[in-house]
Amino acid sequence: MVNSAITDVTEYIESQFEVLDRGIVATPETRENLDAFAKSNQGSMDYLLTQMAVNYGYKIAMQNVLETLKNNSNE
C-alpha cells in the first residue's frame, strides 16, 4: 500500500515537471538562470519574473518531495 502511494506521488510529480517544461512562462532550470533574467530585465516584465519565481519554487518543492520519497523507499 505504501509503495503504491509512493509510486502514485512520484508519477504525479513527474507529470508536473512536464507541465512546467511546456508552460507559457518558462520555468528556469537553475537559480542562476532566474537571477540572470531578473538582472537583465531591469525592472520590466515584473509579472513574468514573479511567475518564473513561483514556478521555480514549485519545482524545487517537488524535487525535495521526490528526493524524500526516494530516500524513504530505499530504507
N, C-alpha and C. Protein backbone atom coordinates (compact mmCIF):
# COMPACT_ATOMS: atom_id res chain seq x y z
N MET A 1 0.82 -1.19 0.00
CA MET A 1 0.00 0.00 0.00
C MET A 1 0.87 1.27 0.00
N VAL A 2 1.90 1.28 0.85
CA VAL A 2 2.78 2.45 0.92
C VAL A 2 3.55 2.62 -0.38
N ASN A 3 4.07 1.52 -0.93
CA ASN A 3 4.81 1.61 -2.20
C ASN A 3 3.92 2.10 -3.32
N SER A 4 2.64 1.71 -3.31
CA SER A 4 1.70 2.17 -4.33
C SER A 4 1.49 3.68 -4.21
N ALA A 5 1.36 4.15 -2.98
CA ALA A 5 1.18 5.60 -2.75
C ALA A 5 2.42 6.36 -3.19
N ILE A 6 3.60 5.83 -2.89
CA ILE A 6 4.85 6.47 -3.30
C ILE A 6 4.93 6.53 -4.82
N THR A 7 4.55 5.44 -5.47
CA THR A 7 4.56 5.40 -6.94
C THR A 7 3.59 6.43 -7.50
N ASP A 8 2.41 6.53 -6.92
CA ASP A 8 1.41 7.50 -7.39
C ASP A 8 1.91 8.93 -7.25
N VAL A 9 2.50 9.25 -6.12
CA VAL A 9 3.02 10.60 -5.89
C VAL A 9 4.19 10.88 -6.83
N THR A 10 5.06 9.90 -7.00
CA THR A 10 6.20 10.06 -7.91
C THR A 10 5.74 10.32 -9.33
N GLU A 11 4.75 9.56 -9.78
CA GLU A 11 4.21 9.77 -11.13
C GLU A 11 3.56 11.14 -11.27
N TYR A 12 2.86 11.58 -10.23
CA TYR A 12 2.24 12.91 -10.27
C TYR A 12 3.30 14.00 -10.38
N ILE A 13 4.34 13.89 -9.57
CA ILE A 13 5.40 14.90 -9.59
C ILE A 13 6.08 14.93 -10.96
N GLU A 14 6.36 13.78 -11.52
CA GLU A 14 6.99 13.74 -12.84
C GLU A 14 6.08 14.35 -13.90
N SER A 15 4.77 14.15 -13.79
CA SER A 15 3.85 14.77 -14.74
C SER A 15 3.84 16.29 -14.58
N GLN A 16 4.01 16.77 -13.35
CA GLN A 16 4.06 18.21 -13.11
C GLN A 16 5.33 18.83 -13.68
N PHE A 17 6.45 18.10 -13.63
CA PHE A 17 7.68 18.59 -14.26
C PHE A 17 7.46 18.81 -15.75
N GLU A 18 6.73 17.89 -16.39
CA GLU A 18 6.44 18.05 -17.82
C GLU A 18 5.59 19.28 -18.08
N VAL A 19 4.62 19.54 -17.21
CA VAL A 19 3.76 20.71 -17.35
C VAL A 19 4.59 21.99 -17.23
N LEU A 20 5.51 22.01 -16.28
CA LEU A 20 6.36 23.19 -16.11
C LEU A 20 7.24 23.43 -17.34
N ASP A 21 7.68 22.36 -17.96
CA ASP A 21 8.52 22.49 -19.15
C ASP A 21 7.74 23.01 -20.35
N ARG A 22 6.42 22.79 -20.38
CA ARG A 22 5.61 23.20 -21.53
C ARG A 22 4.78 24.44 -21.28
N GLY A 23 4.92 25.05 -20.12
CA GLY A 23 4.08 26.19 -19.76
C GLY A 23 4.35 27.42 -20.61
N ILE A 24 3.42 28.35 -20.55
CA ILE A 24 3.56 29.62 -21.27
C ILE A 24 4.74 30.41 -20.72
N VAL A 25 4.88 30.38 -19.39
CA VAL A 25 6.01 31.04 -18.75
C VAL A 25 7.07 29.98 -18.48
N ALA A 26 8.25 30.21 -18.99
CA ALA A 26 9.33 29.24 -18.83
C ALA A 26 9.73 29.11 -17.37
N THR A 27 9.95 27.88 -16.94
CA THR A 27 10.45 27.63 -15.59
C THR A 27 11.97 27.56 -15.67
N PRO A 28 12.65 28.43 -14.95
CA PRO A 28 14.12 28.40 -15.00
C PRO A 28 14.65 27.04 -14.54
N GLU A 29 15.68 26.59 -15.20
CA GLU A 29 16.31 25.32 -14.82
C GLU A 29 17.11 25.45 -13.52
N THR A 30 17.69 26.64 -13.30
CA THR A 30 18.52 26.85 -12.12
C THR A 30 18.24 28.22 -11.52
N ARG A 31 18.70 28.40 -10.30
CA ARG A 31 18.58 29.70 -9.64
C ARG A 31 19.39 30.75 -10.40
N GLU A 32 20.52 30.33 -10.95
CA GLU A 32 21.37 31.25 -11.71
C GLU A 32 20.63 31.79 -12.93
N ASN A 33 19.86 30.93 -13.61
CA ASN A 33 19.08 31.39 -14.77
C ASN A 33 18.03 32.41 -14.36
N LEU A 34 17.38 32.15 -13.22
CA LEU A 34 16.38 33.09 -12.72
C LEU A 34 17.03 34.42 -12.37
N ASP A 35 18.16 34.38 -11.69
CA ASP A 35 18.88 35.61 -11.34
C ASP A 35 19.34 36.38 -12.57
N ALA A 36 19.81 35.66 -13.58
CA ALA A 36 20.26 36.31 -14.81
C ALA A 36 19.10 37.02 -15.50
N PHE A 37 17.93 36.39 -15.54
CA PHE A 37 16.77 37.02 -16.16
C PHE A 37 16.37 38.25 -15.36
N ALA A 38 16.36 38.14 -14.04
CA ALA A 38 15.97 39.27 -13.20
C ALA A 38 16.92 40.45 -13.41
N LYS A 39 18.20 40.16 -13.53
CA LYS A 39 19.19 41.23 -13.73
C LYS A 39 19.03 41.87 -15.12
N SER A 40 18.79 41.06 -16.13
CA SER A 40 18.73 41.59 -17.50
C SER A 40 17.46 42.36 -17.80
N ASN A 41 16.36 42.08 -17.08
CA ASN A 41 15.12 42.78 -17.42
C ASN A 41 15.01 44.16 -16.77
N GLN A 42 15.86 44.47 -15.82
CA GLN A 42 15.97 45.79 -15.20
C GLN A 42 14.63 46.39 -14.79
N GLY A 43 13.79 45.57 -14.15
CA GLY A 43 12.53 46.08 -13.60
C GLY A 43 11.34 45.98 -14.52
N SER A 44 11.54 45.66 -15.78
CA SER A 44 10.38 45.49 -16.65
C SER A 44 9.95 44.03 -16.61
N MET A 45 8.76 43.77 -16.99
CA MET A 45 8.21 42.41 -17.03
C MET A 45 8.20 41.78 -15.63
N ASP A 46 7.87 42.58 -14.61
CA ASP A 46 7.85 42.06 -13.25
C ASP A 46 6.84 40.92 -13.08
N TYR A 47 5.71 40.97 -13.79
CA TYR A 47 4.73 39.89 -13.70
C TYR A 47 5.37 38.58 -14.17
N LEU A 48 6.08 38.64 -15.28
CA LEU A 48 6.73 37.45 -15.82
C LEU A 48 7.80 36.94 -14.85
N LEU A 49 8.58 37.82 -14.31
CA LEU A 49 9.61 37.45 -13.35
C LEU A 49 8.99 36.79 -12.11
N THR A 50 7.89 37.36 -11.63
CA THR A 50 7.20 36.79 -10.47
C THR A 50 6.72 35.38 -10.78
N GLN A 51 6.12 35.18 -11.94
CA GLN A 51 5.61 33.86 -12.31
C GLN A 51 6.75 32.86 -12.46
N MET A 52 7.87 33.30 -13.03
CA MET A 52 9.03 32.42 -13.15
C MET A 52 9.52 32.00 -11.77
N ALA A 53 9.55 32.94 -10.84
CA ALA A 53 10.00 32.63 -9.48
C ALA A 53 9.04 31.66 -8.79
N VAL A 54 7.74 31.85 -8.99
CA VAL A 54 6.75 30.93 -8.42
C VAL A 54 6.93 29.53 -9.00
N ASN A 55 7.08 29.45 -10.32
CA ASN A 55 7.28 28.15 -10.97
C ASN A 55 8.55 27.47 -10.46
N TYR A 56 9.60 28.24 -10.30
CA TYR A 56 10.87 27.68 -9.83
C TYR A 56 10.73 27.17 -8.39
N GLY A 57 10.03 27.93 -7.56
CA GLY A 57 9.79 27.48 -6.18
C GLY A 57 8.98 26.20 -6.14
N TYR A 58 7.98 26.10 -6.99
CA TYR A 58 7.15 24.89 -7.09
C TYR A 58 8.01 23.72 -7.53
N LYS A 59 8.88 23.95 -8.49
CA LYS A 59 9.77 22.89 -8.99
C LYS A 59 10.70 22.41 -7.88
N ILE A 60 11.29 23.33 -7.12
CA ILE A 60 12.18 22.95 -6.03
C ILE A 60 11.42 22.14 -4.97
N ALA A 61 10.21 22.57 -4.64
CA ALA A 61 9.42 21.85 -3.65
C ALA A 61 9.14 20.42 -4.11
N MET A 62 8.78 20.26 -5.37
CA MET A 62 8.51 18.92 -5.89
C MET A 62 9.77 18.07 -5.92
N GLN A 63 10.91 18.67 -6.25
CA GLN A 63 12.16 17.92 -6.25
C GLN A 63 12.50 17.45 -4.84
N ASN A 64 12.25 18.29 -3.84
CA ASN A 64 12.51 17.91 -2.46
C ASN A 64 11.61 16.76 -2.01
N VAL A 65 10.33 16.82 -2.36
CA VAL A 65 9.40 15.74 -2.01
C VAL A 65 9.83 14.45 -2.70
N LEU A 66 10.17 14.54 -3.97
CA LEU A 66 10.59 13.36 -4.72
C LEU A 66 11.85 12.74 -4.11
N GLU A 67 12.80 13.56 -3.73
CA GLU A 67 14.03 13.07 -3.10
C GLU A 67 13.71 12.38 -1.76
N THR A 68 12.82 12.97 -0.98
CA THR A 68 12.43 12.37 0.30
C THR A 68 11.75 11.02 0.08
N LEU A 69 10.88 10.94 -0.91
CA LEU A 69 10.20 9.68 -1.20
C LEU A 69 11.20 8.61 -1.62
N LYS A 70 12.14 8.99 -2.46
CA LYS A 70 13.14 8.03 -2.91
C LYS A 70 14.01 7.55 -1.75
N ASN A 71 14.41 8.46 -0.89
CA ASN A 71 15.23 8.09 0.26
C ASN A 71 14.47 7.18 1.22
N ASN A 72 13.20 7.48 1.46
CA ASN A 72 12.40 6.67 2.38
C ASN A 72 12.07 5.30 1.80
N SER A 73 11.93 5.21 0.49
CA SER A 73 11.62 3.92 -0.12
C SER A 73 12.84 3.02 -0.16
N ASN A 74 14.03 3.59 -0.08
CA ASN A 74 15.26 2.80 -0.08
C ASN A 74 15.63 2.25 1.30
N GLU A 75 14.97 2.77 2.32
CA GLU A 75 15.30 2.34 3.70
C GLU A 75 14.61 1.05 4.06
